[in-house]
PDB file of all heavy atoms in Angstrom:
ATOM      1  N   ASN A   1       0.811  -1.170  -0.039  1.00  0.00           N
ATOM      2  CA  ASN A   1       0.087   0.008   0.053  1.00  0.00           C
ATOM      3  C   ASN A   1       0.889   1.255  -0.014  1.00  0.00           C
ATOM      4  O   ASN A   1       0.507   2.239  -0.635  1.00  0.00           O
ATOM      5  CB  ASN A   1      -0.931  -0.015   1.198  1.00  0.00           C
ATOM      6  CG  ASN A   1      -2.052  -1.085   1.100  1.00  0.00           C
ATOM      7  OD1 ASN A   1      -2.472  -1.395   0.007  1.00  0.00           O
ATOM      8  ND2 ASN A   1      -2.516  -1.602   2.231  1.00  0.00           N
ATOM      9  N   ASP A   2       1.978   1.226   0.659  1.00  0.00           N
ATOM     10  CA  ASP A   2       2.952   2.309   0.698  1.00  0.00           C
ATOM     11  C   ASP A   2       3.433   2.595  -0.671  1.00  0.00           C
ATOM     12  O   ASP A   2       3.516   3.730  -1.180  1.00  0.00           O
ATOM     13  CB  ASP A   2       4.043   2.041   1.621  1.00  0.00           C
ATOM     14  CG  ASP A   2       3.659   1.982   3.084  1.00  0.00           C
ATOM     15  OD1 ASP A   2       2.550   2.611   3.429  1.00  0.00           O
ATOM     16  OD2 ASP A   2       4.232   1.384   3.886  1.00  0.00           O
ATOM     17  N   ARG A   3       3.836   1.499  -1.448  1.00  0.00           N
ATOM     18  CA  ARG A   3       4.371   1.555  -2.685  1.00  0.00           C
ATOM     19  C   ARG A   3       3.366   2.253  -3.679  1.00  0.00           C
ATOM     20  O   ARG A   3       3.676   3.001  -4.639  1.00  0.00           O
ATOM     21  CB  ARG A   3       4.907   0.262  -3.307  1.00  0.00           C
ATOM     22  CG  ARG A   3       6.114  -0.178  -2.493  1.00  0.00           C
ATOM     23  CD  ARG A   3       6.809  -1.337  -3.302  1.00  0.00           C
ATOM     24  NE  ARG A   3       5.936  -2.560  -3.548  1.00  0.00           N
ATOM     25  CZ  ARG A   3       5.716  -3.400  -2.590  1.00  0.00           C
ATOM     26  NH1 ARG A   3       6.292  -3.478  -1.487  1.00  0.00           N
ATOM     27  NH2 ARG A   3       5.035  -4.491  -2.946  1.00  0.00           N
ATOM     28  N   ILE A   4       2.111   1.820  -3.605  1.00  0.00           N
ATOM     29  CA  ILE A   4       1.036   2.460  -4.281  1.00  0.00           C
ATOM     30  C   ILE A   4       0.984   4.018  -4.214  1.00  0.00           C
ATOM     31  O   ILE A   4       1.004   4.753  -5.137  1.00  0.00           O
ATOM     32  CB  ILE A   4      -0.384   1.894  -3.922  1.00  0.00           C
ATOM     33  CG1 ILE A   4      -0.412   0.400  -4.451  1.00  0.00           C
ATOM     34  CG2 ILE A   4      -1.471   2.689  -4.661  1.00  0.00           C
ATOM     35  CD1 ILE A   4      -1.757  -0.264  -4.019  1.00  0.00           C
ATOM     36  N   GLU A   5       1.124   4.472  -2.956  1.00  0.00           N
ATOM     37  CA  GLU A   5       1.053   5.932  -2.657  1.00  0.00           C
ATOM     38  C   GLU A   5       2.294   6.603  -3.247  1.00  0.00           C
ATOM     39  O   GLU A   5       2.211   7.702  -3.783  1.00  0.00           O
ATOM     40  CB  GLU A   5       1.026   6.128  -1.195  1.00  0.00           C
ATOM     41  CG  GLU A   5      -0.388   5.694  -0.562  1.00  0.00           C
ATOM     42  CD  GLU A   5      -0.420   6.254   0.912  1.00  0.00           C
ATOM     43  OE1 GLU A   5       0.279   7.245   1.132  1.00  0.00           O
ATOM     44  OE2 GLU A   5      -1.055   5.547   1.673  1.00  0.00           O
ATOM     45  N   ILE A   6       3.450   5.910  -3.184  1.00  0.00           N
ATOM     46  CA  ILE A   6       4.733   6.512  -3.601  1.00  0.00           C
ATOM     47  C   ILE A   6       4.658   6.596  -5.125  1.00  0.00           C
ATOM     48  O   ILE A   6       5.028   7.586  -5.774  1.00  0.00           O
ATOM     49  CB  ILE A   6       5.925   5.693  -3.126  1.00  0.00           C
ATOM     50  CG1 ILE A   6       5.917   5.795  -1.659  1.00  0.00           C
ATOM     51  CG2 ILE A   6       7.161   6.269  -3.700  1.00  0.00           C
ATOM     52  CD1 ILE A   6       7.056   4.779  -1.041  1.00  0.00           C
ATOM     53  N   PHE A   7       4.236   5.546  -5.808  1.00  0.00           N
ATOM     54  CA  PHE A   7       4.084   5.555  -7.298  1.00  0.00           C
ATOM     55  C   PHE A   7       3.144   6.665  -7.715  1.00  0.00           C
ATOM     56  O   PHE A   7       3.321   7.471  -8.657  1.00  0.00           O
ATOM     57  CB  PHE A   7       3.613   4.172  -7.890  1.00  0.00           C
ATOM     58  CG  PHE A   7       4.764   3.288  -8.200  1.00  0.00           C
ATOM     59  CD1 PHE A   7       4.923   2.080  -7.492  1.00  0.00           C
ATOM     60  CD2 PHE A   7       5.606   3.555  -9.253  1.00  0.00           C
ATOM     61  CE1 PHE A   7       5.979   1.234  -7.786  1.00  0.00           C
ATOM     62  CE2 PHE A   7       6.635   2.674  -9.584  1.00  0.00           C
ATOM     63  CZ  PHE A   7       6.833   1.561  -8.851  1.00  0.00           C
ATOM     64  N   GLU A   8       1.951   6.719  -7.036  1.00  0.00           N
ATOM     65  CA  GLU A   8       1.040   7.789  -7.373  1.00  0.00           C
ATOM     66  C   GLU A   8       1.603   9.180  -7.305  1.00  0.00           C
ATOM     67  O   GLU A   8       1.346  10.027  -8.054  1.00  0.00           O
ATOM     68  CB  GLU A   8      -0.269   7.648  -6.564  1.00  0.00           C
ATOM     69  CG  GLU A   8      -1.071   6.403  -6.873  1.00  0.00           C
ATOM     70  CD  GLU A   8      -2.228   6.286  -5.932  1.00  0.00           C
ATOM     71  OE1 GLU A   8      -2.269   6.893  -4.830  1.00  0.00           O
ATOM     72  OE2 GLU A   8      -3.214   5.492  -6.187  1.00  0.00           O
ATOM     73  N   HIS A   9       2.475   9.363  -6.210  1.00  0.00           N
ATOM     74  CA  HIS A   9       3.101  10.702  -6.053  1.00  0.00           C
ATOM     75  C   HIS A   9       4.036  11.032  -7.178  1.00  0.00           C
ATOM     76  O   HIS A   9       3.932  12.061  -7.750  1.00  0.00           O
ATOM     77  CB  HIS A   9       3.803  10.662  -4.689  1.00  0.00           C
ATOM     78  CG  HIS A   9       4.650  11.839  -4.458  1.00  0.00           C
ATOM     79  ND1 HIS A   9       4.144  13.105  -4.169  1.00  0.00           N
ATOM     80  CD2 HIS A   9       6.081  12.017  -4.509  1.00  0.00           C
ATOM     81  CE1 HIS A   9       5.157  13.947  -4.050  1.00  0.00           C
ATOM     82  NE2 HIS A   9       6.316  13.399  -4.258  1.00  0.00           N
ATOM     83  N   PHE A  10       4.931  10.071  -7.547  1.00  0.00           N
ATOM     84  CA  PHE A  10       5.921  10.381  -8.481  1.00  0.00           C
ATOM     85  C   PHE A  10       5.358  10.411  -9.952  1.00  0.00           C
ATOM     86  O   PHE A  10       5.870  10.986 -10.858  1.00  0.00           O
ATOM     87  CB  PHE A  10       7.095   9.362  -8.475  1.00  0.00           C
ATOM     88  CG  PHE A  10       7.975   9.659  -7.235  1.00  0.00           C
ATOM     89  CD1 PHE A  10       8.073   8.761  -6.246  1.00  0.00           C
ATOM     90  CD2 PHE A  10       8.708  10.877  -7.042  1.00  0.00           C
ATOM     91  CE1 PHE A  10       8.826   8.898  -5.105  1.00  0.00           C
ATOM     92  CE2 PHE A  10       9.490  11.021  -5.950  1.00  0.00           C
ATOM     93  CZ  PHE A  10       9.581  10.103  -5.004  1.00  0.00           C
ATOM     94  N   MET A  11       4.351   9.550 -10.103  1.00  0.00           N
ATOM     95  CA  MET A  11       3.666   9.519 -11.474  1.00  0.00           C
ATOM     96  C   MET A  11       2.873  10.792 -11.831  1.00  0.00           C
ATOM     97  O   MET A  11       2.540  10.968 -12.980  1.00  0.00           O
ATOM     98  CB  MET A  11       2.724   8.288 -11.577  1.00  0.00           C
ATOM     99  CG  MET A  11       3.487   6.931 -11.693  1.00  0.00           C
ATOM    100  SD  MET A  11       2.581   5.415 -11.405  1.00  0.00           S
ATOM    101  CE  MET A  11       1.227   5.596 -12.617  1.00  0.00           C
ATOM    102  N   LYS A  12       2.604  11.650 -10.864  1.00  0.00           N
ATOM    103  CA  LYS A  12       1.928  12.907 -11.045  1.00  0.00           C
ATOM    104  C   LYS A  12       2.842  13.828 -11.956  1.00  0.00           C
ATOM    105  O   LYS A  12       2.368  14.709 -12.684  1.00  0.00           O
ATOM    106  CB  LYS A  12       1.597  13.576  -9.783  1.00  0.00           C
ATOM    107  CG  LYS A  12       0.440  12.901  -9.032  1.00  0.00           C
ATOM    108  CD  LYS A  12       0.257  13.642  -7.721  1.00  0.00           C
ATOM    109  CE  LYS A  12      -0.873  12.960  -6.849  1.00  0.00           C
ATOM    110  NZ  LYS A  12      -0.989  13.658  -5.495  1.00  0.00           N
ATOM    111  N   LYS A  13       4.136  13.551 -11.882  1.00  0.00           N
ATOM    112  CA  LYS A  13       5.104  14.463 -12.560  1.00  0.00           C
ATOM    113  C   LYS A  13       5.338  14.040 -14.027  1.00  0.00           C
ATOM    114  O   LYS A  13       6.028  14.646 -14.701  1.00  0.00           O
ATOM    115  CB  LYS A  13       6.351  14.489 -11.799  1.00  0.00           C
ATOM    116  CG  LYS A  13       6.263  14.829 -10.273  1.00  0.00           C
ATOM    117  CD  LYS A  13       7.578  14.768  -9.670  1.00  0.00           C
ATOM    118  CE  LYS A  13       7.385  15.086  -8.137  1.00  0.00           C
ATOM    119  NZ  LYS A  13       8.637  14.981  -7.297  1.00  0.00           N
ATOM    120  N   VAL A  14       4.912  12.875 -14.443  1.00  0.00           N
ATOM    121  CA  VAL A  14       5.120  12.374 -15.749  1.00  0.00           C
ATOM    122  C   VAL A  14       3.872  12.064 -16.427  1.00  0.00           C
ATOM    123  O   VAL A  14       2.778  11.816 -15.732  1.00  0.00           O
ATOM    124  CB  VAL A  14       6.027  11.071 -15.761  1.00  0.00           C
ATOM    125  CG1 VAL A  14       7.319  11.385 -15.099  1.00  0.00           C
ATOM    126  CG2 VAL A  14       5.429   9.943 -14.986  1.00  0.00           C
ATOM    127  N   LYS A  15       3.798  11.969 -17.746  1.00  0.00           N
ATOM    128  CA  LYS A  15       2.576  11.723 -18.522  1.00  0.00           C
ATOM    129  C   LYS A  15       2.433  10.208 -18.763  1.00  0.00           C
ATOM    130  O   LYS A  15       3.177   9.678 -19.644  1.00  0.00           O
ATOM    131  CB  LYS A  15       2.625  12.467 -19.906  1.00  0.00           C
ATOM    132  CG  LYS A  15       2.584  13.994 -19.753  1.00  0.00           C
ATOM    133  CD  LYS A  15       2.515  14.622 -21.033  1.00  0.00           C
ATOM    134  CE  LYS A  15       2.479  16.163 -20.942  1.00  0.00           C
ATOM    135  NZ  LYS A  15       2.449  16.780 -22.334  1.00  0.00           N
ATOM    136  N   THR A  16       1.703   9.550 -17.920  1.00  0.00           N
ATOM    137  CA  THR A  16       1.578   8.079 -18.087  1.00  0.00           C
ATOM    138  C   THR A  16       0.294   7.722 -18.820  1.00  0.00           C
ATOM    139  O   THR A  16      -0.718   8.467 -18.799  1.00  0.00           O
ATOM    140  CB  THR A  16       1.453   7.418 -16.698  1.00  0.00           C
ATOM    141  OG1 THR A  16       0.479   8.051 -15.889  1.00  0.00           O
ATOM    142  CG2 THR A  16       2.786   7.636 -15.910  1.00  0.00           C
ATOM    143  N   HIS A  17       0.291   6.624 -19.473  1.00  0.00           N
ATOM    144  CA  HIS A  17      -0.750   6.141 -20.264  1.00  0.00           C
ATOM    145  C   HIS A  17      -1.878   5.696 -19.226  1.00  0.00           C
ATOM    146  O   HIS A  17      -1.595   5.220 -18.202  1.00  0.00           O
ATOM    147  CB  HIS A  17      -0.399   5.000 -21.133  1.00  0.00           C
ATOM    148  CG  HIS A  17      -1.511   4.579 -22.169  1.00  0.00           C
ATOM    149  ND1 HIS A  17      -2.361   3.632 -21.893  1.00  0.00           N
ATOM    150  CD2 HIS A  17      -1.792   5.086 -23.414  1.00  0.00           C
ATOM    151  CE1 HIS A  17      -3.188   3.443 -22.893  1.00  0.00           C
ATOM    152  NE2 HIS A  17      -2.861   4.364 -23.834  1.00  0.00           N
ATOM    153  N   PRO A  18      -3.214   5.840 -19.527  1.00  0.00           N
ATOM    154  CA  PRO A  18      -4.256   5.410 -18.663  1.00  0.00           C
ATOM    155  C   PRO A  18      -4.158   3.926 -18.293  1.00  0.00           C
ATOM    156  O   PRO A  18      -4.741   3.531 -17.197  1.00  0.00           O
ATOM    157  CB  PRO A  18      -5.620   5.683 -19.488  1.00  0.00           C
ATOM    158  CG  PRO A  18      -5.198   6.845 -20.387  1.00  0.00           C
ATOM    159  CD  PRO A  18      -3.836   6.527 -20.787  1.00  0.00           C
ATOM    160  N   SER A  19      -3.509   3.062 -19.115  1.00  0.00           N
ATOM    161  CA  SER A  19      -3.391   1.704 -18.765  1.00  0.00           C
ATOM    162  C   SER A  19      -2.394   1.428 -17.658  1.00  0.00           C
ATOM    163  O   SER A  19      -2.332   0.324 -17.040  1.00  0.00           O
ATOM    164  CB  SER A  19      -2.953   0.884 -20.050  1.00  0.00           C
ATOM    165  OG  SER A  19      -1.625   1.293 -20.470  1.00  0.00           O
ATOM    166  N   VAL A  20      -1.556   2.379 -17.236  1.00  0.00           N
ATOM    167  CA  VAL A  20      -0.569   2.251 -16.228  1.00  0.00           C
ATOM    168  C   VAL A  20      -1.256   2.429 -14.856  1.00  0.00           C
ATOM    169  O   VAL A  20      -1.786   3.582 -14.650  1.00  0.00           O
ATOM    170  CB  VAL A  20       0.590   3.187 -16.485  1.00  0.00           C
ATOM    171  CG1 VAL A  20       1.598   2.971 -15.307  1.00  0.00           C
ATOM    172  CG2 VAL A  20       1.296   2.962 -17.794  1.00  0.00           C
ATOM    173  N   SER A  21      -1.252   1.449 -14.031  1.00  0.00           N
ATOM    174  CA  SER A  21      -1.793   1.660 -12.678  1.00  0.00           C
ATOM    175  C   SER A  21      -0.633   1.514 -11.638  1.00  0.00           C
ATOM    176  O   SER A  21       0.192   0.698 -11.776  1.00  0.00           O
ATOM    177  CB  SER A  21      -2.823   0.617 -12.506  1.00  0.00           C
ATOM    178  OG  SER A  21      -2.250  -0.587 -12.244  1.00  0.00           O
ATOM    179  N   ALA A  22      -0.839   2.332 -10.528  1.00  0.00           N
ATOM    180  CA  ALA A  22       0.082   2.264  -9.437  1.00  0.00           C
ATOM    181  C   ALA A  22      -0.026   0.933  -8.834  1.00  0.00           C
ATOM    182  O   ALA A  22       1.010   0.376  -8.273  1.00  0.00           O
ATOM    183  CB  ALA A  22      -0.262   3.418  -8.455  1.00  0.00           C
ATOM    184  N   GLU A  23      -1.189   0.322  -8.780  1.00  0.00           N
ATOM    185  CA  GLU A  23      -1.391  -0.947  -8.096  1.00  0.00           C
ATOM    186  C   GLU A  23      -0.491  -1.991  -8.836  1.00  0.00           C
ATOM    187  O   GLU A  23       0.142  -2.957  -8.132  1.00  0.00           O
ATOM    188  CB  GLU A  23      -2.846  -1.406  -8.099  1.00  0.00           C
ATOM    189  CG  GLU A  23      -3.683  -0.552  -7.210  1.00  0.00           C
ATOM    190  CD  GLU A  23      -4.135   0.681  -7.801  1.00  0.00           C
ATOM    191  OE1 GLU A  23      -3.735   1.086  -8.998  1.00  0.00           O
ATOM    192  OE2 GLU A  23      -4.700   1.572  -7.099  1.00  0.00           O
ATOM    193  N   LEU A  24      -0.483  -2.046 -10.137  1.00  0.00           N
ATOM    194  CA  LEU A  24       0.312  -2.980 -10.966  1.00  0.00           C
ATOM    195  C   LEU A  24       1.770  -2.861 -10.736  1.00  0.00           C
ATOM    196  O   LEU A  24       2.406  -3.831 -10.430  1.00  0.00           O
ATOM    197  CB  LEU A  24       0.015  -2.845 -12.371  1.00  0.00           C
ATOM    198  CG  LEU A  24       0.994  -3.666 -13.368  1.00  0.00           C
ATOM    199  CD1 LEU A  24       0.669  -5.186 -13.237  1.00  0.00           C
ATOM    200  CD2 LEU A  24       0.580  -3.201 -14.822  1.00  0.00           C
ATOM    201  N   LEU A  25       2.233  -1.638 -10.676  1.00  0.00           N
ATOM    202  CA  LEU A  25       3.583  -1.366 -10.496  1.00  0.00           C
ATOM    203  C   LEU A  25       4.088  -1.666  -9.033  1.00  0.00           C
ATOM    204  O   LEU A  25       5.156  -2.192  -8.831  1.00  0.00           O
ATOM    205  CB  LEU A  25       3.954   0.136 -10.763  1.00  0.00           C
ATOM    206  CG  LEU A  25       3.672   0.633 -12.264  1.00  0.00           C
ATOM    207  CD1 LEU A  25       3.849   2.154 -12.337  1.00  0.00           C
ATOM    208  CD2 LEU A  25       4.641  -0.148 -13.207  1.00  0.00           C
ATOM    209  N   ALA A  26       3.206  -1.417  -8.035  1.00  0.00           N
ATOM    210  CA  ALA A  26       3.529  -1.750  -6.692  1.00  0.00           C
ATOM    211  C   ALA A  26       3.674  -3.250  -6.484  1.00  0.00           C
ATOM    212  O   ALA A  26       4.482  -3.731  -5.770  1.00  0.00           O
ATOM    213  CB  ALA A  26       2.426  -1.270  -5.770  1.00  0.00           C
ATOM    214  N   ASN A  27       2.836  -4.057  -7.226  1.00  0.00           N
ATOM    215  CA  ASN A  27       2.905  -5.403  -7.184  1.00  0.00           C
ATOM    216  C   ASN A  27       4.216  -6.038  -7.757  1.00  0.00           C
ATOM    217  O   ASN A  27       4.665  -7.140  -7.425  1.00  0.00           O
ATOM    218  CB  ASN A  27       1.666  -6.129  -7.847  1.00  0.00           C
ATOM    219  CG  ASN A  27       1.580  -7.566  -7.602  1.00  0.00           C
ATOM    220  OD1 ASN A  27       1.573  -8.050  -6.522  1.00  0.00           O
ATOM    221  ND2 ASN A  27       1.485  -8.336  -8.744  1.00  0.00           N
ATOM    222  N   LEU A  28       4.823  -5.329  -8.786  1.00  0.00           N
ATOM    223  CA  LEU A  28       5.961  -5.764  -9.422  1.00  0.00           C
ATOM    224  C   LEU A  28       7.271  -5.335  -8.772  1.00  0.00           C
ATOM    225  O   LEU A  28       8.314  -5.657  -9.254  1.00  0.00           O
ATOM    226  CB  LEU A  28       5.857  -5.312 -10.837  1.00  0.00           C
ATOM    227  CG  LEU A  28       4.841  -5.776 -11.778  1.00  0.00           C
ATOM    228  CD1 LEU A  28       4.872  -5.087 -13.108  1.00  0.00           C
ATOM    229  CD2 LEU A  28       4.943  -7.303 -11.910  1.00  0.00           C
ATOM    230  N   THR A  29       7.156  -4.604  -7.707  1.00  0.00           N
ATOM    231  CA  THR A  29       8.393  -3.961  -7.141  1.00  0.00           C
ATOM    232  C   THR A  29       8.438  -4.192  -5.629  1.00  0.00           C
ATOM    233  O   THR A  29       8.661  -3.221  -4.856  1.00  0.00           O
ATOM    234  CB  THR A  29       8.377  -2.488  -7.435  1.00  0.00           C
ATOM    235  OG1 THR A  29       7.134  -1.935  -7.001  1.00  0.00           O
ATOM    236  CG2 THR A  29       8.615  -2.190  -8.795  1.00  0.00           C
ATOM    237  N   PRO A  30       8.301  -5.322  -5.153  1.00  0.00           N
ATOM    238  CA  PRO A  30       8.532  -5.620  -3.668  1.00  0.00           C
ATOM    239  C   PRO A  30       9.974  -5.372  -3.289  1.00  0.00           C
ATOM    240  O   PRO A  30      10.868  -5.656  -4.004  1.00  0.00           O
ATOM    241  CB  PRO A  30       8.133  -7.042  -3.479  1.00  0.00           C
ATOM    242  CG  PRO A  30       8.364  -7.678  -4.803  1.00  0.00           C
ATOM    243  CD  PRO A  30       8.037  -6.720  -5.906  1.00  0.00           C
ATOM    244  N   GLY A  31      10.174  -4.773  -2.102  1.00  0.00           N
ATOM    245  CA  GLY A  31      11.539  -4.537  -1.659  1.00  0.00           C
ATOM    246  C   GLY A  31      12.158  -3.253  -2.123  1.00  0.00           C
ATOM    247  O   GLY A  31      13.323  -2.909  -1.649  1.00  0.00           O
ATOM    248  N   LEU A  32      11.522  -2.502  -2.964  1.00  0.00           N
ATOM    249  CA  LEU A  32      12.056  -1.245  -3.417  1.00  0.00           C
ATOM    250  C   LEU A  32      11.826  -0.106  -2.392  1.00  0.00           C
ATOM    251  O   LEU A  32      10.762   0.040  -1.810  1.00  0.00           O
ATOM    252  CB  LEU A  32      11.568  -0.755  -4.727  1.00  0.00           C
ATOM    253  CG  LEU A  32      12.391  -1.165  -5.989  1.00  0.00           C
ATOM    254  CD1 LEU A  32      12.530  -2.689  -6.028  1.00  0.00           C
ATOM    255  CD2 LEU A  32      11.749  -0.654  -7.282  1.00  0.00           C
ATOM    256  N   SER A  33      12.771   0.743  -2.216  1.00  0.00           N
ATOM    257  CA  SER A  33      12.611   1.946  -1.357  1.00  0.00           C
ATOM    258  C   SER A  33      11.990   3.068  -2.094  1.00  0.00           C
ATOM    259  O   SER A  33      11.752   3.006  -3.337  1.00  0.00           O
ATOM    260  CB  SER A  33      13.967   2.394  -0.717  1.00  0.00           C
ATOM    261  OG  SER A  33      14.857   2.898  -1.869  1.00  0.00           O
ATOM    262  N   GLY A  34      11.654   4.129  -1.443  1.00  0.00           N
ATOM    263  CA  GLY A  34      11.085   5.369  -2.073  1.00  0.00           C
ATOM    264  C   GLY A  34      12.112   5.858  -3.107  1.00  0.00           C
ATOM    265  O   GLY A  34      11.654   6.329  -4.202  1.00  0.00           O
TER     266      GLY A  34
END
């Protein structure tokens, strides 16, 4: 859940495609720091 919030925060600064979800990216990145 923390990674979802962090991805959402940093993804605000870039133009991402609607198909990109913070939930998917958070699931693929266990163990990563902010």
